[in-house]
N, C-alpha and C. Protein backbone atom coordinates (compact mmCIF):
# COMPACT_ATOMS: atom_id res chain seq x y z
N MET A 1 69.39 139.70 168.75
CA MET A 1 70.70 139.19 169.15
C MET A 1 70.73 137.99 167.85
N LYS A 2 69.27 137.30 167.92
CA LYS A 2 69.01 136.12 166.83
C LYS A 2 69.28 136.83 165.33
N MET A 3 68.61 137.74 165.44
CA MET A 3 69.01 138.42 163.71
C MET A 3 70.47 138.70 163.59
N LYS A 4 71.22 139.39 164.40
CA LYS A 4 72.62 139.41 164.12
C LYS A 4 73.40 138.09 163.85
N THR A 5 72.72 137.03 164.75
CA THR A 5 73.66 135.74 164.24
C THR A 5 73.07 135.21 162.95
N ASN A 6 71.95 135.36 162.49
CA ASN A 6 71.70 135.05 161.42
C ASN A 6 72.07 135.49 160.31
N LEU A 7 72.18 136.93 160.48
CA LEU A 7 72.82 138.17 159.47
C LEU A 7 74.61 137.38 159.13
N LEU A 8 74.85 137.33 160.80
CA LEU A 8 76.51 136.95 160.23
C LEU A 8 76.75 135.73 159.58
N GLY A 9 75.60 134.62 159.62
CA GLY A 9 75.87 133.17 159.19
C GLY A 9 75.70 133.50 157.59
N ILE A 10 74.50 134.15 157.12
CA ILE A 10 74.32 134.43 155.88
C ILE A 10 75.53 135.21 155.42
N THR A 11 76.25 136.40 155.95
CA THR A 11 77.23 137.17 155.07
C THR A 11 78.43 136.06 155.14
N ALA A 12 78.65 135.15 156.31
CA ALA A 12 79.94 134.19 156.08
C ALA A 12 79.50 133.51 154.88
N ALA A 13 78.38 132.98 155.07
CA ALA A 13 77.98 131.79 153.78
C ALA A 13 78.29 132.44 152.31
N VAL A 14 77.36 133.80 151.98
CA VAL A 14 78.02 134.27 151.02
C VAL A 14 79.36 134.73 150.76
N PHE A 15 80.13 135.27 151.65
CA PHE A 15 81.67 135.52 151.21
C PHE A 15 82.14 133.75 150.99
N MET A 16 81.75 132.82 151.42
CA MET A 16 82.35 131.53 151.41
C MET A 16 82.16 131.34 149.76
N LEU A 17 80.96 131.38 149.39
CA LEU A 17 80.51 131.78 147.87
C LEU A 17 81.32 132.27 146.86
N LEU A 18 81.23 133.62 147.22
CA LEU A 18 82.22 134.24 146.59
C LEU A 18 83.67 133.83 146.27
N THR A 19 84.06 133.61 147.00
CA THR A 19 85.67 133.02 147.19
C THR A 19 85.74 131.62 146.65
N ALA A 20 84.69 130.84 146.91
CA ALA A 20 84.66 129.57 146.04
C ALA A 20 84.80 129.76 144.48
N ALA A 21 83.72 130.95 143.99
CA ALA A 21 83.24 131.22 142.90
C ALA A 21 84.76 131.83 142.09
N ILE A 22 85.32 132.53 142.61
CA ILE A 22 86.60 133.58 142.51
C ILE A 22 87.48 132.20 142.46
N LEU A 23 87.76 131.49 143.30
CA LEU A 23 88.97 130.42 143.00
C LEU A 23 88.52 129.52 142.14
N PHE A 24 87.36 129.04 141.84
CA PHE A 24 86.80 128.16 140.55
C PHE A 24 87.17 128.80 139.26
N SER A 25 86.98 130.11 139.26
CA SER A 25 86.72 130.61 138.00
C SER A 25 88.54 130.97 137.33
N GLY A 26 89.37 130.93 138.40
CA GLY A 26 90.93 130.93 138.16
C GLY A 26 91.07 129.55 137.50
N CYS A 27 90.58 128.79 137.60
CA CYS A 27 91.21 127.24 137.45
C CYS A 27 90.25 126.85 135.94
N VAL A 28 89.25 127.18 135.86
CA VAL A 28 88.50 127.32 134.40
C VAL A 28 89.01 128.15 132.94
N GLN A 29 89.79 127.66 132.01
CA GLN A 29 89.80 128.87 130.79
C GLN A 29 89.01 128.77 130.15
N ASN A 30 88.86 129.80 129.23
CA ASN A 30 87.95 129.65 128.44
C ASN A 30 89.01 129.58 126.73
N PRO A 31 88.89 128.74 126.09
CA PRO A 31 89.95 128.15 125.29
C PRO A 31 89.84 129.17 124.04
N GLU A 32 88.90 129.59 123.78
CA GLU A 32 88.95 130.75 122.91
C GLU A 32 89.65 132.28 123.39
N LYS A 33 89.92 132.60 124.82
CA LYS A 33 90.52 133.68 125.12
C LYS A 33 91.99 132.82 125.50
N ASN A 34 92.38 131.86 125.77
CA ASN A 34 93.83 131.47 126.14
C ASN A 34 94.61 131.70 124.96
N THR A 35 95.62 132.66 125.72
CA THR A 35 96.32 133.74 124.53
C THR A 35 98.15 133.08 124.98
N GLY A 36 97.86 132.17 125.95
CA GLY A 36 99.15 131.42 126.58
C GLY A 36 99.71 130.35 125.61
N THR A 37 100.99 129.96 125.90
CA THR A 37 101.92 128.77 125.12
C THR A 37 100.81 127.66 125.72
N THR A 38 100.72 126.47 125.15
CA THR A 38 100.22 125.35 125.61
C THR A 38 101.18 124.33 125.59
N ILE A 39 100.96 123.41 126.68
CA ILE A 39 102.01 122.60 126.86
C ILE A 39 101.59 121.28 126.00
N PRO A 40 102.31 120.76 125.07
CA PRO A 40 101.85 119.85 124.16
C PRO A 40 101.44 118.26 124.99
N LEU A 41 100.23 117.46 124.63
CA LEU A 41 100.26 116.41 125.23
C LEU A 41 101.26 115.29 124.90
N PRO A 42 101.56 114.37 125.83
CA PRO A 42 102.38 113.12 125.16
C PRO A 42 101.44 112.35 124.28
N PRO A 43 102.05 111.67 123.81
CA PRO A 43 101.09 110.55 122.55
C PRO A 43 100.18 109.78 123.26
N THR A 44 99.29 109.45 122.64
CA THR A 44 98.02 108.70 123.25
C THR A 44 98.08 107.38 123.08
N THR A 45 98.92 106.86 121.87
CA THR A 45 99.02 105.66 121.67
C THR A 45 99.41 104.87 122.69
N PRO A 46 98.90 103.60 122.99
CA PRO A 46 99.73 102.65 123.69
C PRO A 46 100.91 102.30 123.74
N VAL A 47 101.63 102.25 124.98
CA VAL A 47 103.13 101.42 124.64
C VAL A 47 102.91 99.65 124.68
N SER A 48 104.36 99.23 123.68
CA SER A 48 103.81 97.92 123.64
C SER A 48 104.71 97.47 124.96
N ILE A 49 104.38 95.96 125.37
CA ILE A 49 104.99 95.51 126.74
C ILE A 49 106.52 95.47 126.38
N GLY A 50 107.19 95.99 127.10
CA GLY A 50 108.91 95.63 127.14
C GLY A 50 109.31 96.50 126.47
N TYR A 51 108.63 97.70 126.07
CA TYR A 51 109.39 99.31 125.28
C TYR A 51 109.03 100.25 126.23
N ILE A 52 109.83 101.45 126.27
CA ILE A 52 109.50 102.65 126.37
C ILE A 52 109.17 103.67 125.57
N GLN A 53 108.01 104.71 125.40
CA GLN A 53 107.97 105.52 124.35
C GLN A 53 108.69 106.76 124.83
N SER A 54 109.08 107.24 123.53
CA SER A 54 110.02 108.44 123.44
C SER A 54 109.21 109.28 122.64
N PHE A 55 109.11 110.68 122.83
CA PHE A 55 108.83 111.78 121.71
C PHE A 55 109.14 112.85 122.03
N ASP A 56 109.68 113.25 120.96
CA ASP A 56 110.41 114.63 121.24
C ASP A 56 109.57 115.90 120.52
N HIS A 57 108.75 116.55 121.23
CA HIS A 57 107.93 117.36 120.68
C HIS A 57 108.47 118.28 119.67
N SER A 58 109.57 118.71 120.26
CA SER A 58 110.37 119.85 119.21
C SER A 58 110.47 119.82 118.16
N LEU A 59 111.15 118.40 117.47
CA LEU A 59 111.36 117.75 116.19
C LEU A 59 110.19 117.03 115.69
N GLY A 60 109.16 116.73 116.80
CA GLY A 60 108.16 116.26 115.98
C GLY A 60 108.10 114.82 115.81
N TYR A 61 108.57 114.10 116.40
CA TYR A 61 108.81 112.14 116.24
C TYR A 61 108.94 111.55 117.33
N GLY A 62 108.39 110.31 117.38
CA GLY A 62 108.37 109.36 118.58
C GLY A 62 108.43 108.15 117.86
N PHE A 63 109.06 107.20 118.83
CA PHE A 63 109.13 105.62 118.66
C PHE A 63 108.96 105.13 120.22
N GLU A 64 109.12 103.53 120.13
CA GLU A 64 109.68 102.88 121.55
C GLU A 64 111.03 102.46 121.20
N TYR A 65 111.52 102.12 122.42
CA TYR A 65 112.67 100.98 122.32
C TYR A 65 112.70 100.51 123.41
N PRO A 66 113.53 99.23 123.39
CA PRO A 66 113.58 98.07 124.06
C PRO A 66 113.83 98.82 125.88
N GLU A 67 112.92 98.57 126.78
CA GLU A 67 113.30 99.09 127.97
C GLU A 67 114.29 98.10 128.54
N THR A 68 114.86 97.37 128.51
CA THR A 68 116.23 96.49 129.21
C THR A 68 117.71 97.12 128.24
N TRP A 69 117.25 97.95 127.18
CA TRP A 69 118.54 98.67 126.54
C TRP A 69 118.77 99.56 127.13
N ALA A 70 119.95 99.98 127.33
CA ALA A 70 120.67 101.59 128.06
C ALA A 70 120.41 102.33 127.05
N MET A 71 119.77 103.52 127.14
CA MET A 71 119.64 104.75 126.40
C MET A 71 120.99 105.66 126.53
N HIS A 72 121.41 106.13 125.58
CA HIS A 72 122.81 106.91 125.90
C HIS A 72 122.11 108.33 126.16
N GLU A 73 123.01 109.20 126.43
CA GLU A 73 122.71 110.49 127.02
C GLU A 73 122.93 111.94 125.58
N PRO A 74 122.01 112.55 125.40
CA PRO A 74 122.08 113.06 123.98
C PRO A 74 123.32 114.02 124.01
N GLY A 75 124.36 114.66 124.88
CA GLY A 75 125.16 115.11 125.36
C GLY A 75 126.58 114.16 124.95
N GLU A 76 126.27 112.93 124.78
CA GLU A 76 127.23 112.06 123.98
C GLU A 76 127.78 112.44 122.75
N PHE A 77 126.52 113.01 122.02
CA PHE A 77 127.08 113.16 120.56
C PHE A 77 127.11 114.64 120.21
N SER A 78 128.14 114.67 118.97
CA SER A 78 128.49 115.86 118.24
C SER A 78 127.39 116.01 117.03
N LEU A 79 126.58 117.36 117.31
CA LEU A 79 125.22 117.76 116.57
C LEU A 79 125.97 118.57 115.61
N THR A 80 126.32 117.83 114.40
CA THR A 80 127.26 118.64 113.24
C THR A 80 126.83 118.19 111.94
N GLN A 81 127.08 118.89 110.91
CA GLN A 81 126.00 118.64 109.63
C GLN A 81 124.70 118.60 109.61
N GLY A 82 124.06 119.14 110.33
CA GLY A 82 122.44 119.57 110.40
C GLY A 82 121.93 118.28 111.21
N VAL A 83 122.63 117.70 111.77
CA VAL A 83 122.01 117.00 112.74
C VAL A 83 121.60 117.89 114.12
N LYS A 84 120.33 117.23 114.27
CA LYS A 84 119.64 118.08 115.39
C LYS A 84 119.39 117.26 116.61
N LYS A 85 119.34 115.89 116.51
CA LYS A 85 119.13 115.07 117.44
C LYS A 85 119.61 113.78 117.25
N VAL A 86 120.18 113.08 118.29
CA VAL A 86 120.75 111.73 118.20
C VAL A 86 120.17 110.59 119.45
N ASP A 87 119.44 109.73 119.03
CA ASP A 87 119.03 108.90 120.14
C ASP A 87 119.60 107.65 119.59
N MET A 88 120.27 107.30 120.60
CA MET A 88 120.99 105.86 120.80
C MET A 88 120.69 104.70 121.92
N PHE A 89 120.59 103.64 121.70
CA PHE A 89 120.70 102.75 122.91
C PHE A 89 121.22 101.42 122.24
N THR A 90 121.58 100.61 123.42
CA THR A 90 122.50 99.64 123.14
C THR A 90 121.98 98.40 124.09
N LYS A 91 122.41 97.46 123.42
CA LYS A 91 122.33 96.24 124.41
C LYS A 91 123.07 95.68 124.96
N SER A 92 122.80 95.40 126.61
CA SER A 92 124.03 95.27 127.30
C SER A 92 124.71 94.09 127.16
N GLN A 93 125.86 94.05 127.52
CA GLN A 93 126.95 92.84 126.85
C GLN A 93 127.38 92.64 125.49
N GLU A 94 126.79 93.49 124.73
CA GLU A 94 126.96 93.34 122.96
C GLU A 94 127.50 94.63 122.66
N GLY A 95 127.81 94.62 121.31
CA GLY A 95 128.19 95.91 120.56
C GLY A 95 126.84 95.91 119.84
N THR A 96 125.67 95.78 120.15
CA THR A 96 124.33 95.84 119.24
C THR A 96 123.99 97.51 119.66
N SER A 97 123.72 98.16 118.82
CA SER A 97 122.84 99.38 118.95
C SER A 97 122.04 99.45 117.56
N ILE A 98 121.28 100.49 118.38
CA ILE A 98 120.17 101.04 117.57
C ILE A 98 120.11 102.44 117.73
N THR A 99 119.93 103.41 116.42
CA THR A 99 120.41 105.02 116.55
C THR A 99 119.69 105.45 115.70
N ILE A 100 118.73 106.58 116.16
CA ILE A 100 117.95 107.38 115.72
C ILE A 100 118.58 108.76 115.37
N ILE A 101 118.67 108.82 114.19
CA ILE A 101 119.05 110.34 113.96
C ILE A 101 118.31 111.36 113.25
N ALA A 102 118.02 112.47 113.58
CA ALA A 102 117.15 113.68 112.98
C ALA A 102 118.19 114.61 112.40
N LYS A 103 117.87 114.90 111.27
CA LYS A 103 119.00 115.89 110.92
C LYS A 103 118.09 116.73 109.44
N THR A 104 118.64 117.96 109.23
CA THR A 104 118.23 118.84 108.16
C THR A 104 119.02 118.14 107.11
N THR A 105 118.21 118.19 105.82
CA THR A 105 118.78 117.36 104.59
C THR A 105 118.46 118.52 103.52
N GLU A 106 119.40 118.43 102.29
CA GLU A 106 119.08 118.68 101.19
C GLU A 106 118.09 117.68 99.87
N TRP A 107 118.31 116.32 100.38
CA TRP A 107 117.88 115.14 99.62
C TRP A 107 116.31 115.41 99.44
N LYS A 108 115.96 115.38 98.25
CA LYS A 108 114.60 115.72 97.78
C LYS A 108 114.09 114.69 97.56
N SER A 109 114.12 113.06 97.24
CA SER A 109 113.43 112.00 97.05
C SER A 109 114.17 110.90 97.64
N LEU A 110 113.26 110.04 97.97
CA LEU A 110 113.93 108.31 98.18
C LEU A 110 114.73 108.19 97.28
N ASP A 111 114.54 108.23 96.00
CA ASP A 111 115.16 107.72 94.87
C ASP A 111 116.60 108.32 95.26
N GLU A 112 116.94 109.29 95.22
CA GLU A 112 117.97 110.19 95.61
C GLU A 112 118.78 109.63 96.70
N VAL A 113 118.14 109.21 97.78
CA VAL A 113 118.83 108.38 98.84
C VAL A 113 119.13 107.16 98.27
N LYS A 114 118.10 106.31 97.42
CA LYS A 114 118.71 105.08 97.11
C LYS A 114 119.89 104.95 96.09
N ASN A 115 120.13 106.01 95.34
CA ASN A 115 121.24 105.95 94.40
C ASN A 115 122.54 106.38 95.35
N LEU A 116 122.67 107.34 96.13
CA LEU A 116 123.46 107.65 96.73
C LEU A 116 124.11 106.45 97.76
N PHE A 117 122.98 105.59 98.38
CA PHE A 117 123.38 104.55 99.00
C PHE A 117 123.80 103.42 98.12
N LYS A 118 123.36 103.24 97.05
CA LYS A 118 124.09 102.43 96.26
C LYS A 118 125.39 102.96 95.77
N GLU A 119 125.62 103.82 95.37
CA GLU A 119 126.75 104.62 95.21
C GLU A 119 128.13 104.21 96.24
N THR A 120 127.64 104.62 97.38
CA THR A 120 128.71 104.41 98.42
C THR A 120 128.97 102.85 99.11
N TYR A 121 127.50 102.10 99.05
CA TYR A 121 127.56 100.96 99.90
C TYR A 121 127.43 99.76 98.65
N SER A 122 127.76 99.98 97.53
CA SER A 122 127.13 99.10 96.34
C SER A 122 127.78 97.48 96.46
N GLU A 123 128.79 97.49 97.16
CA GLU A 123 129.59 96.09 97.24
C GLU A 123 129.00 95.40 98.46
N THR A 124 128.58 96.05 99.27
CA THR A 124 127.80 95.47 100.79
C THR A 124 126.16 95.36 100.93
N ILE A 125 125.57 96.03 100.16
CA ILE A 125 124.14 95.90 100.09
C ILE A 125 123.66 94.72 99.83
N ILE A 126 122.96 93.69 100.75
CA ILE A 126 122.45 92.45 100.34
C ILE A 126 120.62 92.54 100.19
N LYS A 127 120.36 93.70 100.81
CA LYS A 127 118.90 93.79 100.52
C LYS A 127 118.36 95.40 100.43
N GLU A 128 117.41 95.76 99.85
CA GLU A 128 116.99 96.96 99.88
C GLU A 128 115.49 97.17 99.22
N GLY A 129 115.11 98.34 99.20
CA GLY A 129 113.61 98.44 99.04
C GLY A 129 112.83 99.64 99.75
N PHE A 130 111.96 100.18 99.15
CA PHE A 130 110.88 100.89 99.79
C PHE A 130 110.17 100.53 100.91
N ILE A 131 109.51 101.14 102.01
CA ILE A 131 108.75 100.85 102.61
C ILE A 131 107.80 102.00 103.23
N GLU A 132 106.63 101.78 104.02
CA GLU A 132 105.60 102.70 104.41
C GLU A 132 105.44 102.49 105.73
N VAL A 133 105.65 103.53 106.73
CA VAL A 133 105.49 103.27 108.31
C VAL A 133 104.56 104.45 108.85
N ASN A 134 103.62 104.12 109.26
CA ASN A 134 102.56 105.20 109.93
C ASN A 134 102.52 106.12 108.86
N GLY A 135 102.10 105.77 107.54
CA GLY A 135 101.74 106.94 106.64
C GLY A 135 103.13 107.52 106.02
N VAL A 136 104.31 107.14 106.53
CA VAL A 136 105.54 107.67 105.63
C VAL A 136 106.06 106.85 104.94
N LYS A 137 106.53 107.21 103.84
CA LYS A 137 107.28 106.56 102.97
C LYS A 137 108.77 106.27 103.36
N GLY A 138 109.57 105.54 102.86
CA GLY A 138 111.26 105.25 103.42
C GLY A 138 111.61 104.49 102.60
N TYR A 139 113.00 104.49 102.78
CA TYR A 139 113.91 103.64 102.20
C TYR A 139 114.65 102.82 103.24
N GLU A 140 114.84 101.47 102.82
CA GLU A 140 115.43 100.33 103.84
C GLU A 140 116.42 99.62 102.92
N MET A 141 117.57 99.81 103.89
CA MET A 141 118.60 98.55 103.20
C MET A 141 119.26 98.12 104.27
N THR A 142 119.84 96.65 103.97
CA THR A 142 120.35 95.65 104.90
C THR A 142 122.01 95.77 104.23
N ARG A 143 122.72 95.94 104.94
CA ARG A 143 124.32 95.36 104.31
C ARG A 143 125.07 94.87 104.89
N LEU A 144 126.08 94.18 104.48
CA LEU A 144 127.12 93.38 105.35
C LEU A 144 128.16 93.51 104.94
N ASP A 145 128.99 93.84 105.84
CA ASP A 145 130.42 94.55 105.75
C ASP A 145 131.10 93.71 106.85
N SER A 146 131.32 92.26 106.42
CA SER A 146 131.77 91.28 107.65
C SER A 146 133.01 91.98 108.42
N PRO A 147 132.84 91.56 109.62
CA PRO A 147 132.08 91.05 110.63
C PRO A 147 131.02 91.86 111.32
N MET A 148 130.70 93.06 110.29
CA MET A 148 129.17 93.59 110.92
C MET A 148 128.26 93.84 109.79
N LYS A 149 127.01 93.56 110.36
CA LYS A 149 125.96 93.54 109.71
C LYS A 149 124.78 94.90 110.17
N SER A 150 124.19 95.60 109.16
CA SER A 150 123.79 96.65 109.60
C SER A 150 122.34 96.79 108.81
N LYS A 151 121.63 97.33 109.19
CA LYS A 151 119.96 97.82 108.71
C LYS A 151 119.98 99.25 108.73
N VAL A 152 119.29 99.76 107.53
CA VAL A 152 118.91 101.22 107.69
C VAL A 152 117.73 101.30 107.01
N VAL A 153 116.98 102.42 107.79
CA VAL A 153 115.58 102.75 107.05
C VAL A 153 115.96 104.34 107.56
N LEU A 154 115.41 105.33 106.30
CA LEU A 154 115.68 106.42 106.30
C LEU A 154 114.60 106.82 105.60
N PHE A 155 113.77 107.80 106.60
CA PHE A 155 112.44 108.95 105.83
C PHE A 155 112.79 110.13 105.79
N LEU A 156 112.14 110.49 104.73
CA LEU A 156 112.23 112.10 104.35
C LEU A 156 111.15 112.56 104.40
N VAL A 157 111.04 113.95 105.24
CA VAL A 157 109.43 114.75 105.46
C VAL A 157 110.11 116.18 105.62
N GLY A 158 109.94 117.13 104.51
CA GLY A 158 110.18 118.09 104.47
C GLY A 158 111.88 118.33 104.10
N ASP A 159 112.33 119.21 105.16
CA ASP A 159 113.76 119.34 105.00
C ASP A 159 114.17 118.55 105.81
N MET A 160 114.16 117.45 106.64
CA MET A 160 114.17 116.62 107.32
C MET A 160 114.17 115.09 107.24
N ALA A 161 115.50 114.53 107.43
CA ALA A 161 115.79 112.94 107.24
C ALA A 161 115.90 112.70 108.35
N TYR A 162 115.21 111.37 108.89
CA TYR A 162 115.26 110.66 109.84
C TYR A 162 115.55 109.05 109.39
N GLU A 163 116.93 108.99 109.74
CA GLU A 163 117.84 107.95 109.68
C GLU A 163 117.77 106.81 110.91
N LEU A 164 117.19 105.60 110.77
CA LEU A 164 117.10 104.64 111.93
C LEU A 164 118.18 103.37 111.65
N ARG A 165 119.02 103.30 112.55
CA ARG A 165 120.31 102.30 112.06
C ARG A 165 120.31 101.16 112.91
N TYR A 166 120.51 99.89 112.71
CA TYR A 166 120.65 98.88 113.44
C TYR A 166 122.22 98.42 113.39
N ASP A 167 123.05 98.15 113.68
CA ASP A 167 124.42 97.63 113.97
C ASP A 167 124.67 96.79 114.98
N THR A 168 125.18 95.71 114.47
CA THR A 168 125.78 94.30 115.37
C THR A 168 126.58 93.50 114.47
N SER A 169 127.23 92.52 115.05
CA SER A 169 128.08 91.62 114.39
C SER A 169 127.03 90.53 113.60
N GLU A 170 127.66 90.04 112.67
CA GLU A 170 126.98 89.40 111.51
C GLU A 170 126.48 87.99 112.45
N ASP A 171 126.93 87.59 113.28
CA ASP A 171 126.42 86.40 114.28
C ASP A 171 125.57 86.66 115.17
N LEU A 172 125.18 87.94 115.67
CA LEU A 172 124.15 88.40 116.46
C LEU A 172 122.93 89.00 116.04
N TYR A 173 122.97 89.25 114.58
CA TYR A 173 122.00 90.15 113.90
C TYR A 173 120.67 89.52 114.03
N ASP A 174 120.45 88.23 113.91
CA ASP A 174 118.94 87.85 113.68
C ASP A 174 118.25 87.82 115.19
N ALA A 175 119.31 87.71 116.13
CA ALA A 175 118.74 87.94 117.88
C ALA A 175 118.32 89.04 118.07
N SER A 176 118.12 90.44 117.27
CA SER A 176 117.51 91.57 117.68
C SER A 176 117.41 92.58 116.44
N GLU A 177 116.94 91.81 115.05
CA GLU A 177 116.56 92.45 114.35
C GLU A 177 114.94 92.43 114.17
N SER A 178 114.25 91.80 115.10
CA SER A 178 112.97 91.77 115.58
C SER A 178 112.59 93.28 116.10
N VAL A 179 113.68 93.71 117.34
CA VAL A 179 113.65 94.71 118.07
C VAL A 179 113.52 96.10 117.33
N PHE A 180 114.79 95.96 116.17
CA PHE A 180 114.61 97.26 115.56
C PHE A 180 113.78 96.94 114.54
N ASP A 181 112.91 96.01 113.85
CA ASP A 181 111.71 96.16 113.14
C ASP A 181 110.56 96.85 114.03
N HIS A 182 110.65 96.47 115.22
CA HIS A 182 109.60 96.97 116.39
C HIS A 182 109.70 98.76 116.43
N VAL A 183 110.99 98.82 116.46
CA VAL A 183 111.33 100.32 116.72
C VAL A 183 110.82 101.13 115.49
N VAL A 184 111.47 100.37 114.50
CA VAL A 184 110.59 101.13 112.82
C VAL A 184 109.40 101.22 113.05
N GLY A 185 108.64 100.01 113.24
CA GLY A 185 107.42 99.94 113.10
C GLY A 185 106.77 101.08 114.05
N SER A 186 107.15 101.50 115.44
CA SER A 186 106.69 102.49 116.10
C SER A 186 106.91 103.75 115.87
N PHE A 187 108.01 104.03 114.70
CA PHE A 187 108.57 105.38 114.59
C PHE A 187 107.26 106.09 114.11
N ASN A 188 106.90 107.24 114.41
CA ASN A 188 105.76 108.18 114.16
C ASN A 188 106.51 109.52 113.80
N ILE A 189 105.87 110.36 112.97
CA ILE A 189 106.16 111.67 112.84
C ILE A 189 104.89 112.63 112.96
N LYS A 190 104.75 113.67 113.60
CA LYS A 190 103.40 114.54 114.01
C LYS A 190 103.87 115.69 113.33
């Protein structure tokens, strides 16, 4: 009887060990044999205090926007003329907005962009130049078309253009320019 009890105990222990091994082996993946699709990891850079981090894995870009500003729903925008996505957020109680537009483009250089903007906005441009943010070169332009003041930063990467816009009234411009500059500084393309 004692032998039967020991044999039963040993059999139960072996069964539990085998069950645990089978269950555990289903949780461990060999990266060399993993042929399924992987879920991209979120960005690992820390988020600035007072901002929310946004990253679009399908289009490969991200940025931070102010947590107190209202983010508009993507369905609010018509995606025409190569536009892949529009991210827009506004400061409550104002007409102040920051918009990020990701679109396909045929532009080949920032000089081409600069010339087109100069042609289109020649009388309203008050400042312009080239910038570099997180290793990506861009064109920056500030224009005053009273009573509105705007700042545009445009990056070209491959066949994509990323346009970041800051629009508000002239008298409110200085109050949120640093917020826009933070959004631009946090912009990254992977």
